């Protein structure tokens, strides 16, 4: 049996809210870990911090981290998932913006 469009929209809205809550929890968790590791005490550009987090994520997924270790080009990483962006923001002491 097919669902009416309004029910599908309701389900989508509920799933979007669940996703937002899950991303917030993940960002807060990663932010707490980053603060414990000392990221809150160093001055680092958001792009560099995001690149470092991406290297760590790649390492734990079984890939090799980038060997350049330098700054990324302006605008790089803007297409990443909201979770990664929230994690970077949370690591800089802005966990409430998730």
PDB file of N, CA and C in Angstrom:
ATOM      1  N   UNK A   1       0.834  -1.181   0.000  1.00  0.00           N
ATOM      2  CA  UNK A   1       0.000   0.000   0.000  1.00  0.00           C
ATOM      3  C   UNK A   1       0.886   1.255   0.000  1.00  0.00           C
ATOM      4  N   UNK A   2       0.539   2.185  -0.832  1.00  0.00           N
ATOM      5  CA  UNK A   2       1.329   3.404  -0.940  1.00  0.00           C
ATOM      6  C   UNK A   2       0.959   4.369   0.172  1.00  0.00           C
ATOM      7  N   UNK A   3       1.975   5.108   0.630  1.00  0.00           N
ATOM      8  CA  UNK A   3       1.759   6.116   1.672  1.00  0.00           C
ATOM      9  C   UNK A   3       1.419   7.452   1.023  1.00  0.00           C
ATOM     10  N   UNK A   4       0.520   8.200   1.645  1.00  0.00           N
ATOM     11  CA  UNK A   4       0.244   9.550   1.131  1.00  0.00           C
ATOM     12  C   UNK A   4       1.467  10.453   1.326  1.00  0.00           C
ATOM     13  N   UNK A   5       1.562  11.458   0.514  1.00  0.00           N
ATOM     14  CA  UNK A   5       2.705  12.370   0.537  1.00  0.00           C
ATOM     15  C   UNK A   5       2.885  13.021   1.905  1.00  0.00           C
ATOM     16  N   UNK A   6       1.791  13.388   2.577  1.00  0.00           N
ATOM     17  CA  UNK A   6       1.935  14.060   3.875  1.00  0.00           C
ATOM     18  C   UNK A   6       2.583  13.141   4.909  1.00  0.00           C
ATOM     19  N   UNK A   7       2.312  11.851   4.838  1.00  0.00           N
ATOM     20  CA  UNK A   7       2.951  10.912   5.784  1.00  0.00           C
ATOM     21  C   UNK A   7       4.437  10.768   5.491  1.00  0.00           C
ATOM     22  N   UNK A   8       4.778  10.734   4.225  1.00  0.00           N
ATOM     23  CA  UNK A   8       6.191  10.652   3.846  1.00  0.00           C
ATOM     24  C   UNK A   8       6.921  11.899   4.316  1.00  0.00           C
ATOM     25  N   UNK A   9       6.297  13.084   4.140  1.00  0.00           N
ATOM     26  CA  UNK A   9       6.922  14.327   4.604  1.00  0.00           C
ATOM     27  C   UNK A   9       7.095  14.307   6.121  1.00  0.00           C
ATOM     28  N   UNK A  10       6.102  13.791   6.843  1.00  0.00           N
ATOM     29  CA  UNK A  10       6.219  13.679   8.305  1.00  0.00           C
ATOM     30  C   UNK A  10       7.375  12.781   8.703  1.00  0.00           C
ATOM     31  N   UNK A  11       7.508  11.644   7.995  1.00  0.00           N
ATOM     32  CA  UNK A  11       8.611  10.730   8.289  1.00  0.00           C
ATOM     33  C   UNK A  11       9.956  11.385   8.011  1.00  0.00           C
ATOM     34  N   UNK A  12      10.031  12.106   6.911  1.00  0.00           N
ATOM     35  CA  UNK A  12      11.275  12.800   6.559  1.00  0.00           C
ATOM     36  C   UNK A  12      11.624  13.823   7.635  1.00  0.00           C
ATOM     37  N   UNK A  13      10.637  14.583   8.088  1.00  0.00           N
ATOM     38  CA  UNK A  13      10.877  15.589   9.128  1.00  0.00           C
ATOM     39  C   UNK A  13      11.373  14.930  10.411  1.00  0.00           C
ATOM     40  N   UNK A  14      10.773  13.808  10.787  1.00  0.00           N
ATOM     41  CA  UNK A  14      11.208  13.091  11.991  1.00  0.00           C
ATOM     42  C   UNK A  14      12.632  12.573  11.834  1.00  0.00           C
ATOM     43  N   UNK A  15      12.938  12.021  10.655  1.00  0.00           N
ATOM     44  CA  UNK A  15      14.288  11.516  10.411  1.00  0.00           C
ATOM     45  C   UNK A  15      15.318  12.643  10.409  1.00  0.00           C
ATOM     46  N   UNK A  16      14.952  13.810   9.850  1.00  0.00           N
ATOM     47  CA  UNK A  16      15.871  14.943   9.855  1.00  0.00           C
ATOM     48  C   UNK A  16      16.163  15.395  11.278  1.00  0.00           C
ATOM     49  N   UNK A  17      15.163  15.384  12.134  1.00  0.00           N
ATOM     50  CA  UNK A  17      15.366  15.755  13.535  1.00  0.00           C
ATOM     51  C   UNK A  17      16.253  14.732  14.236  1.00  0.00           C
ATOM     52  N   UNK A  18      16.025  13.445  13.959  1.00  0.00           N
ATOM     53  CA  UNK A  18      16.877  12.401  14.538  1.00  0.00           C
ATOM     54  C   UNK A  18      18.318  12.570  14.079  1.00  0.00           C
ATOM     55  N   UNK A  19      18.502  12.886  12.791  1.00  0.00           N
ATOM     56  CA  UNK A  19      19.838  13.099  12.249  1.00  0.00           C
ATOM     57  C   UNK A  19      20.514  14.282  12.927  1.00  0.00           C
ATOM     58  N   UNK A  20      19.777  15.363  13.100  1.00  0.00           N
ATOM     59  CA  UNK A  20      20.328  16.555  13.749  1.00  0.00           C
ATOM     60  C   UNK A  20      20.770  16.231  15.177  1.00  0.00           C
ATOM     61  N   UNK A  21      19.954  15.499  15.913  1.00  0.00           N
ATOM     62  CA  UNK A  21      20.317  15.118  17.282  1.00  0.00           C
ATOM     63  C   UNK A  21      21.543  14.203  17.301  1.00  0.00           C
ATOM     64  N   UNK A  22      21.590  13.244  16.380  1.00  0.00           N
ATOM     65  CA  UNK A  22      22.730  12.328  16.316  1.00  0.00           C
ATOM     66  C   UNK A  22      24.014  13.083  15.973  1.00  0.00           C
ATOM     67  N   UNK A  23      23.932  14.021  15.029  1.00  0.00           N
ATOM     68  CA  UNK A  23      25.108  14.808  14.653  1.00  0.00           C
ATOM     69  C   UNK A  23      25.572  15.678  15.814  1.00  0.00           C
ATOM     70  N   UNK A  24      24.620  16.225  16.567  1.00  0.00           N
ATOM     71  CA  UNK A  24      24.973  17.049  17.727  1.00  0.00           C
ATOM     72  C   UNK A  24      25.695  16.208  18.768  1.00  0.00           C
ATOM     73  N   UNK A  25      25.168  15.012  19.046  1.00  0.00           N
ATOM     74  CA  UNK A  25      25.832  14.120  20.018  1.00  0.00           C
ATOM     75  C   UNK A  25      27.248  13.772  19.564  1.00  0.00           C
ATOM     76  N   UNK A  26      27.394  13.446  18.261  1.00  0.00           N
ATOM     77  CA  UNK A  26      28.710  13.105  17.724  1.00  0.00           C
ATOM     78  C   UNK A  26      29.665  14.284  17.822  1.00  0.00           C
ATOM     79  N   UNK A  27      29.185  15.479  17.476  1.00  0.00           N
ATOM     80  CA  UNK A  27      30.029  16.672  17.520  1.00  0.00           C
ATOM     81  C   UNK A  27      30.467  16.971  18.950  1.00  0.00           C
ATOM     82  N   UNK A  28      29.553  16.834  19.892  1.00  0.00           N
ATOM     83  CA  UNK A  28      29.900  17.089  21.291  1.00  0.00           C
ATOM     84  C   UNK A  28      30.917  16.068  21.789  1.00  0.00           C
ATOM     85  N   UNK A  29      30.736  14.811  21.410  1.00  0.00           N
ATOM     86  CA  UNK A  29      31.686  13.763  21.818  1.00  0.00           C
ATOM     87  C   UNK A  29      33.080  14.037  21.253  1.00  0.00           C
ATOM     88  N   UNK A  30      33.132  14.311  19.965  1.00  0.00           N
ATOM     89  CA  UNK A  30      34.421  14.575  19.322  1.00  0.00           C
ATOM     90  C   UNK A  30      35.035  15.858  19.871  1.00  0.00           C
ATOM     91  N   UNK A  31      34.199  16.857  20.108  1.00  0.00           N
ATOM     92  CA  UNK A  31      34.686  18.114  20.676  1.00  0.00           C
ATOM     93  C   UNK A  31      35.300  17.914  22.053  1.00  0.00           C
ATOM     94  N   UNK A  32      34.632  17.120  22.898  1.00  0.00           N
ATOM     95  CA  UNK A  32      35.180  16.847  24.235  1.00  0.00           C
ATOM     96  C   UNK A  32      36.529  16.147  24.138  1.00  0.00           C
ATOM     97  N   UNK A  33      36.615  15.182  23.234  1.00  0.00           N
ATOM     98  CA  UNK A  33      37.875  14.453  23.060  1.00  0.00           C
ATOM     99  C   UNK A  33      38.969  15.395  22.562  1.00  0.00           C
ATOM    100  N   UNK A  34      38.626  16.253  21.600  1.00  0.00           N
ATOM    101  CA  UNK A  34      39.615  17.203  21.065  1.00  0.00           C
ATOM    102  C   UNK A  34      40.078  18.170  22.151  1.00  0.00           C
ATOM    103  N   UNK A  35      39.164  18.637  22.989  1.00  0.00           N
ATOM    104  CA  UNK A  35      39.548  19.533  24.080  1.00  0.00           C
ATOM    105  C   UNK A  35      40.463  18.828  25.072  1.00  0.00           C
ATOM    106  N   UNK A  36      40.148  17.575  25.384  1.00  0.00           N
ATOM    107  CA  UNK A  36      41.008  16.811  26.295  1.00  0.00           C
ATOM    108  C   UNK A  36      42.396  16.621  25.704  1.00  0.00           C
ATOM    109  N   UNK A  37      42.461  16.515  24.372  1.00  0.00           N
ATOM    110  CA  UNK A  37      43.745  16.336  23.692  1.00  0.00           C
ATOM    111  C   UNK A  37      44.519  17.644  23.567  1.00  0.00           C
ATOM    112  N   UNK A  38      43.892  18.767  23.927  1.00  0.00           N
ATOM    113  CA  UNK A  38      44.591  20.040  23.919  1.00  0.00           C
ATOM    114  C   UNK A  38      44.324  20.929  22.723  1.00  0.00           C
ATOM    115  N   UNK A  39      43.388  20.558  21.856  1.00  0.00           N
ATOM    116  CA  UNK A  39      43.108  21.384  20.680  1.00  0.00           C
ATOM    117  C   UNK A  39      42.549  22.750  21.046  1.00  0.00           C
ATOM    118  N   UNK A  40      41.921  22.875  22.184  1.00  0.00           N
ATOM    119  CA  UNK A  40      41.352  24.152  22.589  1.00  0.00           C
ATOM    120  C   UNK A  40      42.401  25.165  23.005  1.00  0.00           C
ATOM    121  N   UNK A  41      43.602  24.691  23.278  1.00  0.00           N
ATOM    122  CA  UNK A  41      44.664  25.565  23.772  1.00  0.00           C
ATOM    123  C   UNK A  41      45.621  26.040  22.689  1.00  0.00           C
ATOM    124  N   UNK A  42      45.444  25.555  21.477  1.00  0.00           N
ATOM    125  CA  UNK A  42      46.334  25.969  20.401  1.00  0.00           C
ATOM    126  C   UNK A  42      45.563  26.787  19.377  1.00  0.00           C
ATOM    127  N   UNK A  43      46.264  27.706  18.741  1.00  0.00           N
ATOM    128  CA  UNK A  43      45.642  28.488  17.685  1.00  0.00           C
ATOM    129  C   UNK A  43      45.901  27.774  16.371  1.00  0.00           C
ATOM    130  N   UNK A  44      44.806  27.402  15.728  1.00  0.00           N
ATOM    131  CA  UNK A  44      44.902  26.689  14.456  1.00  0.00           C
ATOM    132  C   UNK A  44      43.705  27.093  13.605  1.00  0.00           C
ATOM    133  N   UNK A  45      43.942  27.284  12.335  1.00  0.00           N
ATOM    134  CA  UNK A  45      42.855  27.649  11.437  1.00  0.00           C
ATOM    135  C   UNK A  45      41.898  26.471  11.298  1.00  0.00           C
ATOM    136  N   UNK A  46      40.633  26.785  11.099  1.00  0.00           N
ATOM    137  CA  UNK A  46      39.622  25.730  11.003  1.00  0.00           C
ATOM    138  C   UNK A  46      39.932  24.749   9.875  1.00  0.00           C
ATOM    139  N   UNK A  47      40.425  25.248   8.753  1.00  0.00           N
ATOM    140  CA  UNK A  47      40.771  24.369   7.629  1.00  0.00           C
ATOM    141  C   UNK A  47      41.863  23.384   7.984  1.00  0.00           C
ATOM    142  N   UNK A  48      42.880  23.863   8.694  1.00  0.00           N
ATOM    143  CA  UNK A  48      43.961  22.972   9.119  1.00  0.00           C
ATOM    144  C   UNK A  48      43.457  21.927  10.109  1.00  0.00           C
ATOM    145  N   UNK A  49      42.614  22.379  11.032  1.00  0.00           N
ATOM    146  CA  UNK A  49      42.074  21.468  12.030  1.00  0.00           C
ATOM    147  C   UNK A  49      41.201  20.411  11.366  1.00  0.00           C
ATOM    148  N   UNK A  50      40.391  20.829  10.414  1.00  0.00           N
ATOM    149  CA  UNK A  50      39.549  19.871   9.708  1.00  0.00           C
ATOM    150  C   UNK A  50      40.409  18.877   8.939  1.00  0.00           C
ATOM    151  N   UNK A  51      41.486  19.354   8.308  1.00  0.00           N
ATOM    152  CA  UNK A  51      42.384  18.455   7.584  1.00  0.00           C
ATOM    153  C   UNK A  51      43.005  17.431   8.535  1.00  0.00           C
ATOM    154  N   UNK A  52      43.374  17.873   9.730  1.00  0.00           N
ATOM    155  CA  UNK A  52      43.944  16.951  10.713  1.00  0.00           C
ATOM    156  C   UNK A  52      42.918  15.902  11.132  1.00  0.00           C
ATOM    157  N   UNK A  53      41.680  16.344  11.355  1.00  0.00           N
ATOM    158  CA  UNK A  53      40.621  15.389  11.705  1.00  0.00           C
ATOM    159  C   UNK A  53      40.382  14.408  10.558  1.00  0.00           C
ATOM    160  N   UNK A  54      40.418  14.888   9.325  1.00  0.00           N
ATOM    161  CA  UNK A  54      40.232  13.996   8.179  1.00  0.00           C
ATOM    162  C   UNK A  54      41.351  12.972   8.095  1.00  0.00           C
ATOM    163  N   UNK A  55      42.581  13.392   8.399  1.00  0.00           N
ATOM    164  CA  UNK A  55      43.709  12.461   8.421  1.00  0.00           C
ATOM    165  C   UNK A  55      43.505  11.377   9.474  1.00  0.00           C
ATOM    166  N   UNK A  56      43.051  11.788  10.646  1.00  0.00           N
ATOM    167  CA  UNK A  56      42.801  10.820  11.717  1.00  0.00           C
ATOM    168  C   UNK A  56      41.685   9.863  11.309  1.00  0.00           C
ATOM    169  N   UNK A  57      40.610  10.395  10.735  1.00  0.00           N
ATOM    170  CA  UNK A  57      39.497   9.550  10.305  1.00  0.00           C
ATOM    171  C   UNK A  57      39.963   8.543   9.255  1.00  0.00           C
ATOM    172  N   UNK A  58      40.759   9.008   8.314  1.00  0.00           N
ATOM    173  CA  UNK A  58      41.262   8.127   7.268  1.00  0.00           C
ATOM    174  C   UNK A  58      42.144   7.040   7.869  1.00  0.00           C
ATOM    175  N   UNK A  59      42.958   7.409   8.829  1.00  0.00           N
ATOM    176  CA  UNK A  59      43.839   6.437   9.491  1.00  0.00           C
ATOM    177  C   UNK A  59      43.027   5.320  10.155  1.00  0.00           C
ATOM    178  N   UNK A  60      41.946   5.692  10.818  1.00  0.00           N
ATOM    179  CA  UNK A  60      41.147   4.704  11.523  1.00  0.00           C
ATOM    180  C   UNK A  60      40.221   3.922  10.590  1.00  0.00           C
ATOM    181  N   UNK A  61      40.028   4.425   9.388  1.00  0.00           N
ATOM    182  CA  UNK A  61      39.256   3.677   8.397  1.00  0.00           C
ATOM    183  C   UNK A  61      40.144   2.706   7.629  1.00  0.00           C
ATOM    184  N   UNK A  62      41.445   2.738   7.876  1.00  0.00           N
ATOM    185  CA  UNK A  62      42.355   1.814   7.226  1.00  0.00           C
ATOM    186  C   UNK A  62      43.142   2.404   6.077  1.00  0.00           C
ATOM    187  N   UNK A  63      42.913   3.681   5.764  1.00  0.00           N
ATOM    188  CA  UNK A  63      43.671   4.326   4.699  1.00  0.00           C
ATOM    189  C   UNK A  63      44.897   4.993   5.273  1.00  0.00           C
ATOM    190  N   UNK A  64      45.713   5.526   4.398  1.00  0.00           N
ATOM    191  CA  UNK A  64      46.894   6.254   4.853  1.00  0.00           C
ATOM    192  C   UNK A  64      46.577   7.735   4.925  1.00  0.00           C
ATOM    193  N   UNK A  65      47.068   8.390   5.941  1.00  0.00           N
ATOM    194  CA  UNK A  65      46.873   9.830   6.091  1.00  0.00           C
ATOM    195  C   UNK A  65      47.716  10.561   5.056  1.00  0.00           C
ATOM    196  N   UNK A  66      47.284  11.778   4.716  1.00  0.00           N
ATOM    197  CA  UNK A  66      48.064  12.585   3.779  1.00  0.00           C
ATOM    198  C   UNK A  66      49.430  12.878   4.374  1.00  0.00           C
ATOM    199  N   UNK A  67      50.428  12.863   3.562  1.00  0.00           N
ATOM    200  CA  UNK A  67      51.775  13.086   4.066  1.00  0.00           C
ATOM    201  C   UNK A  67      52.202  14.547   3.997  1.00  0.00           C
ATOM    202  N   UNK A  68      51.406  15.414   3.367  1.00  0.00           N
ATOM    203  CA  UNK A  68      51.813  16.805   3.209  1.00  0.00           C
ATOM    204  C   UNK A  68      51.810  17.539   4.545  1.00  0.00           C
ATOM    205  N   UNK A  69      50.789  17.330   5.346  1.00  0.00           N
ATOM    206  CA  UNK A  69      50.718  17.964   6.655  1.00  0.00           C
ATOM    207  C   UNK A  69      50.590  19.469   6.614  1.00  0.00           C
ATOM    208  N   UNK A  70      50.482  20.046   5.438  1.00  0.00           N
ATOM    209  CA  UNK A  70      50.408  21.499   5.321  1.00  0.00           C
ATOM    210  C   UNK A  70      48.989  21.990   5.265  1.00  0.00           C
ATOM    211  N   UNK A  71      48.868  23.308   5.015  1.00  0.00           N
ATOM    212  CA  UNK A  71      47.554  23.923   4.924  1.00  0.00           C
ATOM    213  C   UNK A  71      46.861  23.453   3.652  1.00  0.00           C
ATOM    214  N   UNK A  72      45.551  23.402   3.732  1.00  0.00           N
ATOM    215  CA  UNK A  72      44.759  23.063   2.565  1.00  0.00           C
ATOM    216  C   UNK A  72      44.424  24.351   1.824  1.00  0.00           C
ATOM    217  N   UNK A  73      44.089  24.212   0.565  1.00  0.00           N
ATOM    218  CA  UNK A  73      43.723  25.380  -0.230  1.00  0.00           C
ATOM    219  C   UNK A  73      42.465  26.026   0.345  1.00  0.00           C
ATOM    220  N   UNK A  74      42.346  27.318   0.143  1.00  0.00           N
ATOM    221  CA  UNK A  74      41.177  28.043   0.656  1.00  0.00           C
ATOM    222  C   UNK A  74      39.915  27.418   0.092  1.00  0.00           C
ATOM    223  N   UNK A  75      38.954  27.159   0.973  1.00  0.00           N
ATOM    224  CA  UNK A  75      37.692  26.576   0.557  1.00  0.00           C
ATOM    225  C   UNK A  75      37.693  25.064   0.543  1.00  0.00           C
ATOM    226  N   UNK A  76      38.832  24.439   0.694  1.00  0.00           N
ATOM    227  CA  UNK A  76      38.882  22.985   0.693  1.00  0.00           C
ATOM    228  C   UNK A  76      38.198  22.451   1.931  1.00  0.00           C
ATOM    229  N   UNK A  77      37.499  21.350   1.746  1.00  0.00           N
ATOM    230  CA  UNK A  77      36.824  20.727   2.874  1.00  0.00           C
ATOM    231  C   UNK A  77      35.448  21.282   3.149  1.00  0.00           C
ATOM    232  N   UNK A  78      34.997  22.267   2.390  1.00  0.00           N
ATOM    233  CA  UNK A  78      33.679  22.836   2.630  1.00  0.00           C
ATOM    234  C   UNK A  78      32.571  21.890   2.228  1.00  0.00           C
ATOM    235  N   UNK A  79      32.911  20.874   1.420  1.00  0.00           N
ATOM    236  CA  UNK A  79      31.884  19.942   0.986  1.00  0.00           C
ATOM    237  C   UNK A  79      31.788  18.740   1.913  1.00  0.00           C
ATOM    238  N   UNK A  80      32.488  18.757   3.029  1.00  0.00           N
ATOM    239  CA  UNK A  80      32.445  17.625   3.935  1.00  0.00           C
ATOM    240  C   UNK A  80      31.131  17.582   4.682  1.00  0.00           C
ATOM    241  N   UNK A  81      30.926  16.504   5.404  1.00  0.00           N
ATOM    242  CA  UNK A  81      29.668  16.316   6.106  1.00  0.00           C
ATOM    243  C   UNK A  81      29.516  17.311   7.242  1.00  0.00           C
ATOM    244  N   UNK A  82      28.295  17.583   7.623  1.00  0.00           N
ATOM    245  CA  UNK A  82      28.076  18.488   8.750  1.00  0.00           C
ATOM    246  C   UNK A  82      28.740  17.983  10.025  1.00  0.00           C
ATOM    247  N   UNK A  83      28.817  16.675  10.190  1.00  0.00           N
ATOM    248  CA  UNK A  83      29.443  16.153  11.394  1.00  0.00           C
ATOM    249  C   UNK A  83      30.900  16.571  11.496  1.00  0.00           C
ATOM    250  N   UNK A  84      31.591  16.498  10.381  1.00  0.00           N
ATOM    251  CA  UNK A  84      32.991  16.905  10.409  1.00  0.00           C
ATOM    252  C   UNK A  84      33.114  18.387  10.689  1.00  0.00           C
ATOM    253  N   UNK A  85      32.224  19.176  10.098  1.00  0.00           N
ATOM    254  CA  UNK A  85      32.268  20.607  10.342  1.00  0.00           C
ATOM    255  C   UNK A  85      31.918  20.905  11.790  1.00  0.00           C
ATOM    256  N   UNK A  86      30.928  20.233  12.348  1.00  0.00           N
ATOM    257  CA  UNK A  86      30.553  20.441  13.733  1.00  0.00           C
ATOM    258  C   UNK A  86      31.670  20.019  14.670  1.00  0.00           C
ATOM    259  N   UNK A  87      32.344  18.933  14.319  1.00  0.00           N
ATOM    260  CA  UNK A  87      33.431  18.470  15.166  1.00  0.00           C
ATOM    261  C   UNK A  87      34.550  19.504  15.210  1.00  0.00           C
ATOM    262  N   UNK A  88      34.853  20.076  14.054  1.00  0.00           N
ATOM    263  CA  UNK A  88      35.900  21.085  14.024  1.00  0.00           C
ATOM    264  C   UNK A  88      35.485  22.295  14.852  1.00  0.00           C
ATOM    265  N   UNK A  89      34.238  22.703  14.726  1.00  0.00           N
ATOM    266  CA  UNK A  89      33.742  23.843  15.499  1.00  0.00           C
ATOM    267  C   UNK A  89      33.726  23.538  16.983  1.00  0.00           C
ATOM    268  N   UNK A  90      33.319  22.333  17.333  1.00  0.00           N
ATOM    269  CA  UNK A  90      33.268  21.951  18.745  1.00  0.00           C
ATOM    270  C   UNK A  90      34.668  21.924  19.340  1.00  0.00           C
ATOM    271  N   UNK A  91      35.636  21.502  18.531  1.00  0.00           N
ATOM    272  CA  UNK A  91      37.009  21.444  19.031  1.00  0.00           C
ATOM    273  C   UNK A  91      37.563  22.834  19.310  1.00  0.00           C
ATOM    274  N   UNK A  92      36.975  23.824  18.686  1.00  0.00           N
ATOM    275  CA  UNK A  92      37.422  25.192  18.924  1.00  0.00           C
ATOM    276  C   UNK A  92      36.581  25.870  19.988  1.00  0.00           C
ATOM    277  N   UNK A  93      35.837  25.068  20.735  1.00  0.00           N
ATOM    278  CA  UNK A  93      35.092  25.617  21.868  1.00  0.00           C
ATOM    279  C   UNK A  93      33.733  26.163  21.509  1.00  0.00           C
ATOM    280  N   UNK A  94      33.174  25.723  20.389  1.00  0.00           N
ATOM    281  CA  UNK A  94      31.874  26.225  19.981  1.00  0.00           C
ATOM    282  C   UNK A  94      30.886  25.080  19.834  1.00  0.00           C
ATOM    283  N   UNK A  95      30.857  24.163  20.771  1.00  0.00           N
ATOM    284  CA  UNK A  95      30.007  22.985  20.668  1.00  0.00           C
ATOM    285  C   UNK A  95      28.533  23.349  20.593  1.00  0.00           C
ATOM    286  N   UNK A  96      28.123  24.484  21.085  1.00  0.00           N
ATOM    287  CA  UNK A  96      26.725  24.876  21.067  1.00  0.00           C
ATOM    288  C   UNK A  96      26.197  25.219  19.689  1.00  0.00           C
ATOM    289  N   UNK A  97      27.062  25.332  18.682  1.00  0.00           N
ATOM    290  CA  UNK A  97      26.612  25.698  17.347  1.00  0.00           C
ATOM    291  C   UNK A  97      26.257  24.495  16.505  1.00  0.00           C
ATOM    292  N   UNK A  98      26.303  23.309  17.034  1.00  0.00           N
ATOM    293  CA  UNK A  98      26.079  22.103  16.253  1.00  0.00           C
ATOM    294  C   UNK A  98      24.709  22.016  15.668  1.00  0.00           C
TER     295      UNK A  98
END
